[in-house]
Each structure stands twice: as structure tokens, then as C-alpha cells.
N, C-alpha and C. Protein backbone atom coordinates (compact mmCIF):
# COMPACT_ATOMS: atom_id res chain seq x y z
N UNK A 1 0.86 -1.16 0.00
CA UNK A 1 0.00 0.00 0.00
C UNK A 1 0.90 1.23 0.00
N UNK A 2 0.45 2.27 -0.65
CA UNK A 2 1.23 3.49 -0.77
C UNK A 2 0.47 4.66 -0.14
N UNK A 3 1.16 5.44 0.67
CA UNK A 3 0.60 6.65 1.25
C UNK A 3 1.21 7.83 0.49
N UNK A 4 0.35 8.74 0.03
CA UNK A 4 0.82 9.92 -0.70
C UNK A 4 0.47 11.15 0.14
N UNK A 5 1.50 11.96 0.41
CA UNK A 5 1.32 13.20 1.19
C UNK A 5 2.22 14.27 0.60
N UNK A 6 1.62 15.38 0.20
CA UNK A 6 2.38 16.50 -0.36
C UNK A 6 3.29 16.07 -1.52
N UNK A 7 2.78 15.18 -2.36
CA UNK A 7 3.55 14.74 -3.52
C UNK A 7 4.58 13.67 -3.23
N UNK A 8 4.81 13.35 -1.97
CA UNK A 8 5.76 12.30 -1.60
C UNK A 8 5.02 10.97 -1.45
N UNK A 9 5.63 9.89 -1.90
CA UNK A 9 5.04 8.57 -1.77
C UNK A 9 5.84 7.73 -0.79
N UNK A 10 5.12 7.00 0.07
CA UNK A 10 5.73 6.15 1.07
C UNK A 10 5.07 4.78 1.01
N UNK A 11 5.87 3.74 0.93
CA UNK A 11 5.33 2.39 1.04
C UNK A 11 5.07 2.12 2.51
N UNK A 12 3.84 1.73 2.84
CA UNK A 12 3.45 1.52 4.23
C UNK A 12 2.80 0.15 4.39
N UNK A 13 2.77 -0.29 5.63
CA UNK A 13 2.12 -1.54 5.99
C UNK A 13 1.04 -1.21 7.01
N UNK A 14 -0.08 -1.87 6.90
CA UNK A 14 -1.19 -1.67 7.84
C UNK A 14 -1.02 -2.59 9.03
N UNK A 15 -1.28 -2.03 10.22
CA UNK A 15 -1.27 -2.86 11.42
C UNK A 15 -2.66 -2.99 12.01
N UNK A 16 -3.58 -2.13 11.60
CA UNK A 16 -4.93 -2.15 12.13
C UNK A 16 -5.84 -1.50 11.09
N UNK A 17 -6.99 -2.09 10.86
CA UNK A 17 -7.89 -1.61 9.83
C UNK A 17 -9.33 -1.72 10.29
N UNK A 18 -10.12 -0.70 10.02
CA UNK A 18 -11.56 -0.73 10.29
C UNK A 18 -12.24 0.08 9.19
N UNK A 19 -13.57 0.13 9.22
CA UNK A 19 -14.28 0.95 8.24
C UNK A 19 -14.03 2.43 8.46
N UNK A 20 -13.60 2.82 9.65
CA UNK A 20 -13.37 4.22 9.96
C UNK A 20 -11.97 4.72 9.65
N UNK A 21 -11.01 3.78 9.60
CA UNK A 21 -9.65 4.22 9.38
C UNK A 21 -8.65 3.09 9.44
N UNK A 22 -7.38 3.48 9.54
CA UNK A 22 -6.29 2.51 9.45
C UNK A 22 -5.08 3.04 10.20
N UNK A 23 -4.28 2.14 10.77
CA UNK A 23 -2.99 2.52 11.33
C UNK A 23 -1.94 2.04 10.35
N UNK A 24 -1.05 2.94 9.94
CA UNK A 24 0.02 2.58 9.00
C UNK A 24 1.37 2.74 9.66
N UNK A 25 2.25 1.81 9.36
CA UNK A 25 3.60 1.80 9.90
C UNK A 25 4.50 2.58 8.96
N UNK A 26 5.16 3.61 9.49
CA UNK A 26 6.17 4.37 8.74
C UNK A 26 7.03 5.15 9.71
N UNK A 27 8.28 5.39 9.30
CA UNK A 27 9.26 6.01 10.18
C UNK A 27 8.94 7.46 10.52
N UNK A 28 8.55 8.24 9.53
CA UNK A 28 8.28 9.67 9.74
C UNK A 28 6.87 9.98 9.29
N UNK A 29 5.91 9.85 10.20
CA UNK A 29 4.52 10.10 9.81
C UNK A 29 4.28 11.58 9.50
N UNK A 30 3.35 11.85 8.60
CA UNK A 30 2.97 13.23 8.32
C UNK A 30 2.40 13.87 9.59
N UNK A 31 2.37 15.19 9.66
CA UNK A 31 1.85 15.85 10.86
C UNK A 31 0.37 15.56 11.08
N UNK A 32 -0.03 15.62 12.33
CA UNK A 32 -1.45 15.46 12.66
C UNK A 32 -2.25 16.52 11.92
N UNK A 33 -3.34 16.10 11.31
CA UNK A 33 -4.18 16.99 10.52
C UNK A 33 -3.86 16.98 9.04
N UNK A 34 -2.74 16.36 8.66
CA UNK A 34 -2.36 16.31 7.24
C UNK A 34 -3.36 15.48 6.45
N UNK A 35 -3.64 15.93 5.25
CA UNK A 35 -4.50 15.19 4.32
C UNK A 35 -3.61 14.29 3.48
N UNK A 36 -3.97 13.02 3.39
CA UNK A 36 -3.19 12.04 2.64
C UNK A 36 -4.12 11.23 1.74
N UNK A 37 -3.53 10.49 0.84
CA UNK A 37 -4.27 9.56 0.00
C UNK A 37 -3.59 8.20 0.12
N UNK A 38 -4.39 7.17 0.34
CA UNK A 38 -3.89 5.80 0.34
C UNK A 38 -4.21 5.16 -1.00
N UNK A 39 -3.21 4.60 -1.61
CA UNK A 39 -3.39 3.85 -2.86
C UNK A 39 -3.24 2.39 -2.48
N UNK A 40 -4.36 1.65 -2.61
CA UNK A 40 -4.33 0.28 -2.12
C UNK A 40 -5.20 -0.64 -2.97
N UNK A 41 -4.85 -1.90 -2.95
CA UNK A 41 -5.65 -2.93 -3.61
C UNK A 41 -6.53 -3.58 -2.56
N UNK A 42 -7.81 -3.66 -2.85
CA UNK A 42 -8.75 -4.31 -1.94
C UNK A 42 -9.25 -5.60 -2.56
N UNK A 43 -9.44 -6.64 -1.75
CA UNK A 43 -9.96 -7.90 -2.29
C UNK A 43 -11.29 -7.67 -3.00
N UNK A 44 -11.51 -8.43 -4.04
CA UNK A 44 -12.75 -8.41 -4.81
C UNK A 44 -12.92 -7.17 -5.69
N UNK A 45 -11.93 -6.27 -5.72
CA UNK A 45 -11.99 -5.12 -6.60
C UNK A 45 -10.88 -5.25 -7.64
N UNK A 46 -11.20 -4.99 -8.88
CA UNK A 46 -10.22 -5.11 -9.96
C UNK A 46 -9.31 -3.90 -10.02
N UNK A 47 -9.84 -2.73 -9.68
CA UNK A 47 -9.06 -1.50 -9.80
C UNK A 47 -8.45 -1.09 -8.45
N UNK A 48 -7.34 -0.39 -8.53
CA UNK A 48 -6.71 0.16 -7.33
C UNK A 48 -7.61 1.24 -6.75
N UNK A 49 -7.72 1.28 -5.43
CA UNK A 49 -8.52 2.30 -4.75
C UNK A 49 -7.62 3.45 -4.29
N UNK A 50 -8.15 4.65 -4.39
CA UNK A 50 -7.48 5.85 -3.90
C UNK A 50 -8.39 6.42 -2.81
N UNK A 51 -7.96 6.29 -1.56
CA UNK A 51 -8.81 6.65 -0.43
C UNK A 51 -8.21 7.84 0.31
N UNK A 52 -8.98 8.91 0.42
CA UNK A 52 -8.54 10.10 1.14
C UNK A 52 -8.66 9.86 2.64
N UNK A 53 -7.69 10.38 3.38
CA UNK A 53 -7.68 10.20 4.83
C UNK A 53 -7.00 11.40 5.48
N UNK A 54 -7.20 11.51 6.79
CA UNK A 54 -6.58 12.56 7.59
C UNK A 54 -5.78 11.92 8.72
N UNK A 55 -4.58 12.40 8.95
CA UNK A 55 -3.76 11.90 10.06
C UNK A 55 -4.39 12.41 11.36
N UNK A 56 -4.79 11.47 12.23
CA UNK A 56 -5.47 11.83 13.47
C UNK A 56 -4.57 11.70 14.70
N UNK A 57 -3.60 10.78 14.66
CA UNK A 57 -2.70 10.59 15.80
C UNK A 57 -1.44 9.87 15.37
N UNK A 58 -0.42 9.98 16.22
CA UNK A 58 0.85 9.30 16.00
C UNK A 58 1.04 8.24 17.07
N UNK A 59 1.63 7.13 16.69
CA UNK A 59 1.98 6.08 17.63
C UNK A 59 3.48 5.83 17.57
N UNK A 60 3.92 4.79 18.25
CA UNK A 60 5.35 4.48 18.31
C UNK A 60 5.94 4.18 16.93
N UNK A 61 5.15 3.59 16.06
CA UNK A 61 5.72 3.14 14.80
C UNK A 61 4.98 3.67 13.57
N UNK A 62 4.15 4.70 13.74
CA UNK A 62 3.43 5.18 12.58
C UNK A 62 2.33 6.17 12.92
N UNK A 63 1.23 6.09 12.16
CA UNK A 63 0.16 7.08 12.31
C UNK A 63 -1.21 6.44 12.15
N UNK A 64 -2.16 6.95 12.91
CA UNK A 64 -3.55 6.57 12.77
C UNK A 64 -4.24 7.52 11.81
N UNK A 65 -4.89 6.96 10.79
CA UNK A 65 -5.56 7.75 9.77
C UNK A 65 -7.06 7.52 9.84
N UNK A 66 -7.82 8.58 9.69
CA UNK A 66 -9.28 8.49 9.59
C UNK A 66 -9.65 8.65 8.13
N UNK A 67 -10.42 7.68 7.60
CA UNK A 67 -10.88 7.82 6.23
C UNK A 67 -11.82 9.01 6.12
N UNK A 68 -11.63 9.81 5.07
CA UNK A 68 -12.48 10.99 4.88
C UNK A 68 -13.78 10.65 4.17
N UNK A 69 -13.86 9.49 3.62
CA UNK A 69 -15.08 9.05 2.94
C UNK A 69 -14.75 7.90 2.03
N UNK A 70 -15.53 6.86 2.13
CA UNK A 70 -15.33 5.70 1.27
C UNK A 70 -16.45 5.64 0.25
N UNK A 71 -16.12 5.27 -0.97
CA UNK A 71 -17.17 4.99 -1.94
C UNK A 71 -17.87 3.70 -1.49
N UNK A 72 -19.08 3.51 -1.91
CA UNK A 72 -19.84 2.33 -1.50
C UNK A 72 -19.10 1.04 -1.84
N UNK A 73 -18.48 0.98 -2.99
CA UNK A 73 -17.77 -0.23 -3.41
C UNK A 73 -16.57 -0.50 -2.51
N UNK A 74 -15.91 0.55 -2.05
CA UNK A 74 -14.77 0.38 -1.14
C UNK A 74 -15.25 -0.07 0.24
N UNK A 75 -16.35 0.50 0.71
CA UNK A 75 -16.92 0.06 1.99
C UNK A 75 -17.30 -1.41 1.92
N UNK A 76 -17.90 -1.83 0.80
CA UNK A 76 -18.27 -3.23 0.62
C UNK A 76 -17.02 -4.12 0.65
N UNK A 77 -15.97 -3.73 -0.08
CA UNK A 77 -14.75 -4.53 -0.14
C UNK A 77 -14.08 -4.62 1.24
N UNK A 78 -14.07 -3.51 1.98
CA UNK A 78 -13.51 -3.53 3.33
C UNK A 78 -14.33 -4.44 4.24
N UNK A 79 -15.64 -4.39 4.12
CA UNK A 79 -16.50 -5.29 4.91
C UNK A 79 -16.19 -6.73 4.60
N UNK A 80 -15.99 -7.05 3.34
CA UNK A 80 -15.63 -8.41 2.94
C UNK A 80 -14.31 -8.82 3.59
N UNK A 81 -13.33 -7.95 3.55
CA UNK A 81 -12.02 -8.23 4.13
C UNK A 81 -12.12 -8.41 5.63
N UNK A 82 -12.83 -7.53 6.30
CA UNK A 82 -12.94 -7.58 7.76
C UNK A 82 -13.76 -8.79 8.23
N UNK A 83 -14.72 -9.21 7.45
CA UNK A 83 -15.53 -10.36 7.85
C UNK A 83 -14.76 -11.68 7.71
N UNK A 84 -13.69 -11.67 6.92
CA UNK A 84 -12.85 -12.87 6.75
C UNK A 84 -11.89 -13.05 7.92
N UNK A 85 -11.68 -12.03 8.72
CA UNK A 85 -10.70 -12.11 9.80
C UNK A 85 -11.24 -12.82 11.01
């Protein structure tokens, strides 16, 4: 998954995921309040998703992001992924 902030791209790994947001692991998280875009592949979707998010908090190894809005198809795909866990 790729996080894009201010034109910079960072390869990130998710440690926690919900319909409301995601925690991503990265060395230098963007500042709290920063607007970012996640470029990610979701199960059952053929196309790459571009999901807008806001940095809400920092943790020891990354940042907690709140999704700014999911399209219905992305919400469905996330529900499918979360129900498999």
C-alpha cells in the first residue's frame, strides 16, 4: 500500500484496519491533521482504490488515519475483508 502526502510517496504496511480508518507503519509520519491519499488494492476489486484520509494521531511506529469518505464499493470490499478475519 502506498501513502501519498504533499507529492511524496511512502510504502506503508497496515497494522490495524476498520471501516473508519487505518494505522500505518512508517518512520516519519505526516503531521497530525495532514491530508493524505492511500493507494491500495482491496480484495474483490479489480481497480486500485485511492482513499482520502486525515492523520489523526501518531503512535510508536506510525500514524492513525481516519478515512475521509469511502465509496460504497470500497466500503463493501472492506467489509468483505474484515468479515474474513
